[in-house]
Amino acid sequence: MFKYFAAYRKEWLILIRDPAGLVLLFLMPMVMVVVLSMVQEFGWSTVSREPQVPVLFVNNDRDSVGDKFQTGLNEARIFTLISEIDSVPVTQEMARQMVLEGTYQIAVVIPERTSERIRAKIRLLVNKTMTSLMMPDQDLLAGVTNNDSVEILIYFDPAVRNSFRNAFLSATKEFNAKIESRMIFETFQEELRKYFPQFNMPIIDYEQSVYFTEIFPSGVEEELLPSTTQHNVPSWAIFAMFFIVVPLTSSIIKERDEGNLIRLMTIPVSYMTIFLAKVGVYLVICFFQFVLMVLAGIYILPLFNMPPLEIGTHYLAIAILTIASSLAALGYGILLGTLSKTHQQAAAFGAVSIVVMAAVGGLWVPVYLMGSVMKHVATFSPLNWAHAGFLDIFLRGSTLKDILPELIKLFVFFTVTISIAAIYRTIKPPIST
């Protein structure tokens, strides 16, 4: 134990002799989480949380159908209808050209006489029904047909994703179904007044019979939507933890190249003791990095009109997961520093491998947006294990028991990597050059 504390003290002395580097270890991750969260918050997050898609709307109908379409799209709260540009009414050709140029992604054109043509078709259908009902022996409207149809034009920018295009078409078809059903009811009631003039029946709107209720498995009634803060703070905190491999590998290689490792072995002390001393020191660094980044998410990000980080109440689970994530990062750093022969090898491979594991693990793009193959690949990234655990705690209120699988994988990863490093160094001891 004395040998361990001596090695531990040695590592601390090396760190505190470079106060500028120590400050950067804490300051740079905080700057990174604030800047990168702001970039994503004012980009794709604002669209996903409060989408306001501009849509060119040309209402040539100037009647009930066109007006109701306009009202329905406005009430959806996800579209901003634009009928005029610089006080000039938008025409069909203007809308087509602007979508073609990519200025707008969607344009809707309601043709002239849309309401009139729909009414004529519905009136014929209702008259046929009422005639067959009131005068079953006389088919007065036999052979009378109306195959007239209305084409509502929707221009889409080719860059629009198929999922969004289908969602927009579904919304417009839903509006159209509601409009036509109301017009059918109104026409039926008008015809009934002709047959029963003494009965002044008011026009009754059809009340919806089927409703869809959203139920959250956790039992929480309010809707829980992850914000960019909740995604980015744990993402970049984990990324900063694993990026500790750069100074850690530099320390290992410098210690070996300068002959300090050989002198330490004359104590004698095992390689595992030396490695665990480094782990003890850098574990404190990683833990306080995470704490500072969480505090930045809670107190600094709201200053930039961003949602504050909500971490829940399971603080013990957060602390243990932070330690497990830090250990996984330090084990990887020690393994990399042990196997690398030069600073350039360690720095280049370490930085690139962390970036790759972060990208694959869903730290930059959420895993649920990936394809099936990449979703499977993501499960092999230790950064994904850590990130999934933090999201479970922050968003789903998971307890220590719930994140046990992630904890086990992180601890096993640390044990395997540091054991391989110790075995490798035992088989191939350092040689002074």
Protein backbone atom coordinates (compact mmCIF):
# COMPACT_ATOMS: atom_id res chain seq x y z
CA MET A 1 0.00 0.00 0.00
CA PHE A 2 2.92 2.35 0.78
CA LYS A 3 4.30 1.78 -2.72
CA TYR A 4 0.94 2.66 -4.21
CA PHE A 5 0.65 5.94 -2.28
CA ALA A 6 4.21 6.83 -3.21
CA ALA A 7 3.41 6.29 -6.89
CA TYR A 8 0.14 8.18 -6.43
CA ARG A 9 1.95 11.16 -4.88
CA LYS A 10 4.45 11.13 -7.72
CA GLU A 11 1.65 11.42 -10.29
CA TRP A 12 0.08 14.34 -8.44
CA LEU A 13 3.38 16.18 -8.25
CA ILE A 14 3.81 15.84 -12.00
CA LEU A 15 0.34 17.29 -12.58
CA ILE A 16 0.50 20.24 -10.21
CA ARG A 17 3.89 21.29 -11.60
CA ASP A 18 2.01 22.22 -14.77
CA PRO A 19 -0.81 24.45 -13.42
CA ALA A 20 -1.68 25.82 -16.86
CA GLY A 21 -2.16 22.31 -18.23
CA LEU A 22 -4.22 21.36 -15.17
CA VAL A 23 -6.52 24.36 -15.65
CA LEU A 24 -6.98 23.50 -19.32
CA LEU A 25 -8.02 19.96 -18.36
CA PHE A 26 -11.00 21.48 -16.55
CA LEU A 27 -11.66 24.62 -18.58
CA MET A 28 -11.61 23.26 -22.13
CA PRO A 29 -14.30 20.59 -21.58
CA MET A 30 -16.62 23.26 -20.11
CA VAL A 31 -16.05 25.54 -23.10
CA MET A 32 -16.63 22.59 -25.43
CA VAL A 33 -19.94 21.57 -23.89
CA VAL A 34 -21.27 25.14 -23.91
CA VAL A 35 -20.22 25.95 -27.48
CA LEU A 36 -21.26 22.65 -29.05
CA SER A 37 -24.57 22.59 -27.20
CA MET A 38 -25.32 26.09 -28.46
CA VAL A 39 -24.48 25.08 -32.03
CA GLN A 40 -26.90 22.16 -31.94
CA GLU A 41 -29.54 23.99 -29.90
CA PHE A 42 -29.97 26.77 -32.44
CA GLY A 43 -29.77 24.35 -35.34
CA TRP A 44 -31.58 21.06 -35.60
CA SER A 45 -32.98 21.12 -32.05
CA THR A 46 -35.12 24.21 -32.59
CA VAL A 47 -36.70 22.49 -35.56
CA SER A 48 -37.39 19.27 -33.67
CA ARG A 49 -38.78 20.95 -30.55
CA GLU A 50 -40.77 23.84 -32.07
CA PRO A 51 -40.82 23.18 -35.80
CA GLN A 52 -42.00 26.10 -37.92
CA VAL A 53 -41.70 25.05 -41.54
CA PRO A 54 -42.38 27.86 -44.02
CA VAL A 55 -44.95 26.80 -46.65
CA LEU A 56 -45.98 28.87 -49.65
CA PHE A 57 -49.78 28.87 -49.80
CA VAL A 58 -51.68 29.93 -52.93
CA ASN A 59 -55.44 30.05 -52.34
CA ASN A 60 -57.05 30.49 -55.76
CA ASP A 61 -60.29 29.01 -54.47
CA ARG A 62 -61.24 31.95 -52.22
CA ASP A 63 -64.03 29.82 -50.77
CA SER A 64 -64.68 27.46 -47.89
CA VAL A 65 -62.30 24.65 -48.91
CA GLY A 66 -59.33 26.93 -49.45
CA ASP A 67 -60.04 28.86 -46.25
CA LYS A 68 -60.44 25.67 -44.19
CA PHE A 69 -57.22 24.25 -45.60
CA GLN A 70 -55.45 27.42 -44.56
CA THR A 71 -56.99 27.30 -41.09
CA GLY A 72 -56.12 23.62 -40.64
CA LEU A 73 -52.47 24.06 -41.62
CA ASN A 74 -52.15 27.06 -39.32
CA GLU A 75 -53.69 25.18 -36.40
CA ALA A 76 -51.14 22.39 -36.83
CA ARG A 77 -48.53 24.82 -35.41
CA ILE A 78 -45.73 23.27 -37.39
CA PHE A 79 -46.24 25.25 -40.58
CA THR A 80 -45.89 28.96 -41.27
CA LEU A 81 -48.08 29.75 -44.27
CA ILE A 82 -46.78 32.45 -46.57
CA SER A 83 -49.30 33.95 -48.97
CA GLU A 84 -47.45 37.20 -49.66
CA ILE A 85 -43.82 38.11 -50.20
CA ASP A 86 -42.95 41.80 -49.91
CA SER A 87 -46.69 42.62 -50.04
CA VAL A 88 -47.00 40.78 -53.36
CA PRO A 89 -49.46 37.84 -53.42
CA VAL A 90 -47.78 34.53 -54.19
CA THR A 91 -48.91 33.02 -57.49
CA GLN A 92 -48.69 29.44 -58.65
CA GLU A 93 -45.75 30.16 -60.94
CA MET A 94 -43.92 32.09 -58.21
CA ALA A 95 -44.43 29.18 -55.79
CA ARG A 96 -43.22 26.63 -58.32
CA GLN A 97 -40.11 28.67 -59.14
CA MET A 98 -39.19 29.32 -55.49
CA VAL A 99 -39.44 25.64 -54.61
CA LEU A 100 -37.45 24.78 -57.72
CA GLU A 101 -34.69 27.18 -56.64
CA GLY A 102 -34.67 25.76 -53.11
CA THR A 103 -35.82 29.04 -51.50
CA TYR A 104 -38.77 27.19 -49.98
CA GLN A 105 -39.24 23.46 -49.52
CA ILE A 106 -43.02 23.21 -49.86
CA ALA A 107 -45.76 25.05 -51.72
CA VAL A 108 -49.51 24.32 -51.75
CA VAL A 109 -51.80 25.56 -54.52
CA ILE A 110 -55.60 25.38 -54.13
CA PRO A 111 -57.12 25.59 -57.66
CA GLU A 112 -59.96 27.89 -58.64
CA ARG A 113 -63.56 26.76 -58.06
CA THR A 114 -62.38 23.94 -55.76
CA SER A 115 -65.24 24.43 -53.30
CA GLU A 116 -67.81 24.78 -56.09
CA ARG A 117 -66.74 21.59 -57.83
CA ILE A 118 -66.67 19.58 -54.60
CA ARG A 119 -70.14 20.88 -53.66
CA ALA A 120 -71.53 19.87 -57.07
CA LYS A 121 -70.21 16.34 -56.71
CA ILE A 122 -71.48 15.98 -53.14
CA ARG A 123 -74.87 17.47 -54.05
CA LEU A 124 -75.36 14.89 -56.80
CA LEU A 125 -74.45 12.07 -54.40
CA VAL A 126 -76.85 13.37 -51.75
CA ASN A 127 -79.67 13.93 -54.27
CA LYS A 128 -79.30 10.37 -55.55
CA THR A 129 -79.45 9.04 -51.99
CA MET A 130 -82.48 11.14 -51.02
CA THR A 131 -84.32 10.35 -54.26
CA SER A 132 -83.84 6.60 -53.83
CA LEU A 133 -84.99 6.97 -50.21
CA MET A 134 -88.07 9.13 -50.79
CA MET A 135 -89.07 7.77 -54.22
CA PRO A 136 -87.70 4.24 -54.48
CA ASP A 137 -89.84 3.44 -57.53
CA GLN A 138 -88.55 6.36 -59.60
CA ASP A 139 -84.91 6.60 -60.44
CA LEU A 140 -84.95 10.22 -61.61
CA LEU A 141 -81.20 10.66 -61.60
CA ALA A 142 -80.31 7.43 -63.34
CA GLY A 143 -77.36 7.84 -65.62
CA VAL A 144 -76.40 11.23 -64.18
CA THR A 145 -72.77 11.17 -63.12
CA ASN A 146 -70.13 13.64 -62.01
CA ASN A 147 -66.56 12.42 -62.38
CA ASP A 148 -65.12 15.86 -61.87
CA SER A 149 -62.13 15.84 -59.53
CA VAL A 150 -59.97 18.50 -57.93
CA GLU A 151 -56.19 18.48 -57.94
CA ILE A 152 -54.57 20.33 -55.08
CA LEU A 153 -51.00 20.89 -56.15
CA ILE A 154 -48.15 20.38 -53.69
CA TYR A 155 -44.64 21.29 -54.80
CA PHE A 156 -41.81 19.61 -52.88
CA ASP A 157 -38.14 20.48 -52.94
CA PRO A 158 -36.25 17.31 -54.04
CA ALA A 159 -34.07 17.69 -50.94
CA VAL A 160 -37.05 17.10 -48.62
CA ARG A 161 -36.79 13.75 -46.87
CA ASN A 162 -39.41 11.12 -47.73
CA SER A 163 -40.50 10.84 -44.09
CA PHE A 164 -41.30 14.56 -43.91
CA ARG A 165 -43.01 14.51 -47.32
CA ASN A 166 -45.23 11.62 -46.22
CA ALA A 167 -46.04 13.37 -42.95
CA PHE A 168 -47.10 16.53 -44.78
CA LEU A 169 -49.23 14.59 -47.26
CA SER A 170 -50.90 12.71 -44.40
CA ALA A 171 -51.73 16.00 -42.68
CA THR A 172 -53.25 17.52 -45.83
CA LYS A 173 -55.27 14.36 -46.55
CA GLU A 174 -56.60 14.47 -42.99
CA PHE A 175 -57.69 18.10 -43.44
CA ASN A 176 -59.37 17.23 -46.73
CA ALA A 177 -61.27 14.30 -45.19
CA LYS A 178 -62.62 16.54 -42.42
CA ILE A 179 -63.64 19.24 -44.90
CA GLU A 180 -65.45 16.84 -47.24
CA SER A 181 -67.23 15.03 -44.40
CA ARG A 182 -68.55 18.33 -43.05
CA MET A 183 -69.70 19.37 -46.53
CA ILE A 184 -71.56 16.05 -46.92
CA PHE A 185 -73.35 16.57 -43.58
CA GLU A 186 -74.28 20.13 -44.53
CA THR A 187 -75.66 19.05 -47.90
CA PHE A 188 -77.70 16.22 -46.37
CA GLN A 189 -79.23 18.60 -43.85
CA GLU A 190 -80.08 21.11 -46.56
CA GLU A 191 -81.87 18.41 -48.55
CA LEU A 192 -83.74 17.21 -45.46
CA ARG A 193 -85.06 20.74 -44.93
CA LYS A 194 -86.57 20.60 -48.40
CA TYR A 195 -88.55 17.49 -47.54
CA PHE A 196 -89.38 18.59 -43.97
CA PRO A 197 -89.66 22.39 -44.11
CA GLN A 198 -91.50 22.54 -40.78
CA PHE A 199 -88.46 21.14 -39.02
CA ASN A 200 -85.62 23.65 -38.83
CA MET A 201 -82.77 21.33 -37.95
CA PRO A 202 -79.49 23.10 -37.16
CA ILE A 203 -76.29 22.01 -38.83
CA ILE A 204 -74.60 19.67 -36.37
CA ASP A 205 -70.88 19.03 -36.50
CA TYR A 206 -69.83 15.42 -36.32
CA GLU A 207 -68.13 14.77 -33.03
CA GLN A 208 -65.01 12.66 -33.13
CA SER A 209 -65.58 9.15 -31.76
CA VAL A 210 -62.07 7.70 -31.73
CA TYR A 211 -59.31 9.30 -29.70
CA PHE A 212 -55.71 8.28 -29.24
CA THR A 213 -54.19 8.46 -25.78
CA GLU A 214 -50.44 8.53 -25.24
CA ILE A 215 -49.30 6.49 -22.25
CA PHE A 216 -45.72 6.50 -21.01
CA PRO A 217 -44.44 3.18 -19.66
CA SER A 218 -42.94 4.92 -16.65
CA GLY A 219 -46.39 6.04 -15.56
CA VAL A 220 -45.47 9.71 -15.78
CA GLU A 221 -48.37 11.56 -17.34
CA GLU A 222 -46.51 14.59 -18.61
CA GLU A 223 -44.64 14.30 -21.88
CA LEU A 224 -40.91 13.88 -21.42
CA LEU A 225 -38.91 15.14 -24.38
CA PRO A 226 -35.10 15.02 -24.38
CA SER A 227 -33.54 18.40 -25.08
CA THR A 228 -30.20 19.07 -26.74
CA THR A 229 -28.84 19.92 -23.29
CA GLN A 230 -29.76 16.49 -21.95
CA HIS A 231 -28.20 14.85 -24.98
CA ASN A 232 -25.09 17.02 -25.33
CA VAL A 233 -23.90 17.46 -21.73
CA PRO A 234 -23.44 13.73 -21.04
CA SER A 235 -22.18 13.24 -24.62
CA TRP A 236 -19.38 15.77 -24.40
CA ALA A 237 -18.64 14.92 -20.77
CA ILE A 238 -17.99 11.31 -21.81
CA PHE A 239 -16.02 12.53 -24.82
CA ALA A 240 -13.84 14.67 -22.52
CA MET A 241 -13.32 11.73 -20.17
CA PHE A 242 -12.08 9.52 -22.97
CA PHE A 243 -9.99 12.30 -24.49
CA ILE A 244 -7.95 12.16 -21.28
CA VAL A 245 -6.06 9.40 -23.11
CA VAL A 246 -4.00 12.12 -24.85
CA PRO A 247 -2.29 13.51 -21.70
CA LEU A 248 -2.35 10.08 -20.06
CA THR A 249 -0.54 8.34 -22.92
CA SER A 250 1.89 11.25 -23.09
CA SER A 251 2.69 10.78 -19.40
CA ILE A 252 3.24 7.03 -19.84
CA ILE A 253 5.49 7.40 -22.89
CA LYS A 254 7.47 10.28 -21.35
CA GLU A 255 8.00 8.26 -18.18
CA ARG A 256 9.27 5.34 -20.24
CA ASP A 257 11.48 7.35 -22.61
CA GLU A 258 13.16 9.30 -19.81
CA GLY A 259 13.98 6.10 -17.90
CA ASN A 260 11.75 6.95 -14.93
CA LEU A 261 9.82 3.71 -15.33
CA ILE A 262 12.98 1.63 -15.02
CA ARG A 263 13.98 3.52 -11.88
CA LEU A 264 10.54 2.93 -10.42
CA MET A 265 10.90 -0.79 -11.04
CA THR A 266 14.00 -0.88 -8.81
CA ILE A 267 11.85 -0.16 -5.74
CA PRO A 268 10.58 -2.89 -6.66
CA VAL A 269 6.94 -2.24 -7.60
CA SER A 270 4.63 -4.01 -10.01
CA TYR A 271 3.42 -2.51 -13.25
CA MET A 272 -0.16 -2.86 -12.04
CA THR A 273 0.63 -0.68 -9.00
CA ILE A 274 2.10 2.01 -11.22
CA PHE A 275 -0.88 1.89 -13.55
CA LEU A 276 -3.39 1.99 -10.69
CA ALA A 277 -1.63 5.05 -9.25
CA LYS A 278 -2.15 6.84 -12.55
CA VAL A 279 -5.76 5.67 -12.55
CA GLY A 280 -6.29 7.08 -9.05
CA VAL A 281 -4.97 10.52 -9.99
CA TYR A 282 -6.68 10.85 -13.35
CA LEU A 283 -9.92 9.43 -11.95
CA VAL A 284 -10.18 12.53 -9.75
CA ILE A 285 -9.57 14.70 -12.83
CA CYS A 286 -12.27 12.92 -14.84
CA PHE A 287 -14.77 13.04 -11.99
CA PHE A 288 -14.39 16.78 -11.48
CA GLN A 289 -14.49 17.34 -15.23
CA PHE A 290 -17.89 15.69 -15.28
CA VAL A 291 -19.11 17.67 -12.27
CA LEU A 292 -18.07 20.97 -13.86
CA MET A 293 -19.74 20.08 -17.16
CA VAL A 294 -22.95 19.13 -15.36
CA LEU A 295 -22.87 22.45 -13.49
CA ALA A 296 -22.34 24.20 -16.82
CA GLY A 297 -25.44 22.45 -18.15
CA ILE A 298 -27.48 23.48 -15.12
CA TYR A 299 -26.33 27.08 -14.64
CA ILE A 300 -24.44 28.35 -17.71
CA LEU A 301 -26.45 27.02 -20.66
CA PRO A 302 -29.72 28.66 -19.42
CA LEU A 303 -27.93 32.03 -19.66
CA PHE A 304 -27.95 31.51 -23.45
CA ASN A 305 -31.72 30.81 -23.54
CA MET A 306 -31.18 27.07 -23.59
CA PRO A 307 -33.05 24.51 -21.46
CA PRO A 308 -31.24 23.66 -18.21
CA LEU A 309 -29.90 20.19 -17.64
CA GLU A 310 -32.20 17.98 -15.56
CA ILE A 311 -30.35 15.12 -13.91
CA GLY A 312 -33.07 13.62 -11.73
CA THR A 313 -32.56 12.56 -8.12
CA HIS A 314 -30.51 9.35 -8.42
CA TYR A 315 -27.20 10.98 -7.50
CA LEU A 316 -25.54 7.76 -6.35
CA ALA A 317 -26.24 6.12 -9.70
CA ILE A 318 -24.80 9.18 -11.49
CA ALA A 319 -21.66 9.12 -9.33
CA ILE A 320 -21.02 5.40 -9.82
CA LEU A 321 -21.65 5.62 -13.56
CA THR A 322 -19.24 8.56 -13.76
CA ILE A 323 -16.57 6.52 -11.99
CA ALA A 324 -17.19 3.51 -14.24
CA SER A 325 -17.00 5.67 -17.38
CA SER A 326 -13.80 7.31 -16.16
CA LEU A 327 -12.23 3.94 -15.41
CA ALA A 328 -13.10 2.69 -18.89
CA ALA A 329 -11.46 5.77 -20.41
CA LEU A 330 -8.35 5.44 -18.22
CA GLY A 331 -7.99 1.74 -18.94
CA TYR A 332 -8.09 2.47 -22.66
CA GLY A 333 -5.55 5.27 -22.22
CA ILE A 334 -3.13 3.09 -20.26
CA LEU A 335 -3.39 0.30 -22.82
CA LEU A 336 -2.78 2.75 -25.66
CA GLY A 337 0.17 4.39 -23.87
CA THR A 338 1.71 1.01 -23.12
CA LEU A 339 1.44 -0.33 -26.67
CA SER A 340 2.47 2.89 -28.44
CA LYS A 341 6.16 3.43 -29.11
CA THR A 342 6.11 7.18 -29.76
CA HIS A 343 4.13 10.27 -28.76
CA GLN A 344 2.97 10.66 -32.35
CA GLN A 345 1.52 7.15 -32.47
CA ALA A 346 -0.34 7.58 -29.20
CA ALA A 347 -1.66 11.08 -29.97
CA ALA A 348 -2.78 10.32 -33.52
CA PHE A 349 -4.32 6.92 -32.89
CA GLY A 350 -5.79 7.94 -29.53
CA ALA A 351 -7.51 11.07 -30.83
CA VAL A 352 -8.86 9.44 -33.98
CA SER A 353 -10.06 6.30 -32.21
CA ILE A 354 -11.94 8.36 -29.60
CA VAL A 355 -13.61 10.42 -32.30
CA VAL A 356 -14.62 7.25 -34.15
CA MET A 357 -15.98 5.57 -31.02
CA ALA A 358 -17.89 8.75 -30.15
CA ALA A 359 -19.44 8.98 -33.61
CA VAL A 360 -20.28 5.28 -33.74
CA GLY A 361 -21.53 5.28 -30.14
CA GLY A 362 -24.24 7.88 -30.75
CA LEU A 363 -22.64 10.85 -29.00
CA TRP A 364 -22.99 13.08 -32.05
CA VAL A 365 -25.99 11.56 -33.77
CA PRO A 366 -28.54 9.72 -31.58
CA VAL A 367 -28.49 5.97 -32.08
CA TYR A 368 -32.21 5.85 -32.90
CA LEU A 369 -31.52 7.90 -36.04
CA MET A 370 -28.97 5.37 -37.31
CA GLY A 371 -29.57 2.45 -39.63
CA SER A 372 -29.98 -1.07 -38.34
CA VAL A 373 -26.34 -1.99 -39.02
CA MET A 374 -24.94 1.07 -37.26
CA LYS A 375 -27.30 0.53 -34.32
CA HIS A 376 -25.73 -2.89 -33.87
CA VAL A 377 -22.20 -1.51 -34.25
CA ALA A 378 -22.95 1.20 -31.64
CA THR A 379 -23.45 -1.45 -28.97
CA PHE A 380 -19.72 -2.26 -29.09
CA SER A 381 -18.58 1.27 -28.20
CA PRO A 382 -17.81 1.91 -24.51
CA LEU A 383 -18.84 5.53 -25.04
CA ASN A 384 -22.27 4.26 -26.05
CA TRP A 385 -22.55 2.22 -22.85
CA ALA A 386 -21.78 5.28 -20.74
CA HIS A 387 -24.06 7.57 -22.74
CA ALA A 388 -26.96 5.13 -22.64
CA GLY A 389 -26.60 4.87 -18.87
CA PHE A 390 -26.67 8.64 -18.37
CA LEU A 391 -29.70 9.05 -20.64
CA ASP A 392 -31.50 6.33 -18.70
CA ILE A 393 -30.89 8.22 -15.47
CA PHE A 394 -31.59 11.73 -16.77
CA LEU A 395 -34.63 10.95 -18.92
CA ARG A 396 -36.19 7.78 -17.56
CA GLY A 397 -35.34 8.11 -13.89
CA SER A 398 -33.48 4.82 -13.90
CA THR A 399 -31.91 3.59 -10.70
CA LEU A 400 -28.56 1.96 -10.01
CA LYS A 401 -30.13 -1.44 -10.58
CA ASP A 402 -31.49 -0.39 -13.97
CA ILE A 403 -28.08 0.68 -15.31
CA LEU A 404 -26.29 -2.36 -13.94
CA PRO A 405 -25.66 -3.87 -17.42
CA GLU A 406 -23.86 -0.69 -18.55
CA LEU A 407 -21.84 -0.56 -15.33
CA ILE A 408 -20.73 -4.17 -15.70
CA LYS A 409 -19.61 -3.63 -19.30
CA LEU A 410 -17.63 -0.51 -18.38
CA PHE A 411 -15.91 -2.17 -15.41
CA VAL A 412 -15.10 -5.26 -17.50
CA PHE A 413 -13.67 -3.03 -20.23
CA PHE A 414 -11.45 -1.29 -17.67
CA THR A 415 -10.29 -4.58 -16.15
CA VAL A 416 -9.48 -6.13 -19.51
CA THR A 417 -7.60 -3.12 -20.89
CA ILE A 418 -5.46 -2.47 -17.83
CA SER A 419 -4.74 -6.18 -17.43
CA ILE A 420 -3.57 -6.44 -21.04
CA ALA A 421 -1.33 -3.42 -20.49
CA ALA A 422 0.21 -4.94 -17.33
CA ILE A 423 0.74 -8.34 -18.98
CA TYR A 424 2.28 -6.74 -22.08
CA ARG A 425 4.68 -4.65 -20.01
CA THR A 426 5.62 -7.70 -17.92
CA ILE A 427 6.38 -9.74 -21.04
CA LYS A 428 8.11 -6.85 -22.76
CA PRO A 429 9.73 -4.62 -20.12
CA PRO A 430 10.92 -1.10 -21.06
CA ILE A 431 14.42 -0.70 -22.43
CA SER A 432 16.34 2.56 -22.17
CA THR A 433 17.39 4.07 -25.46
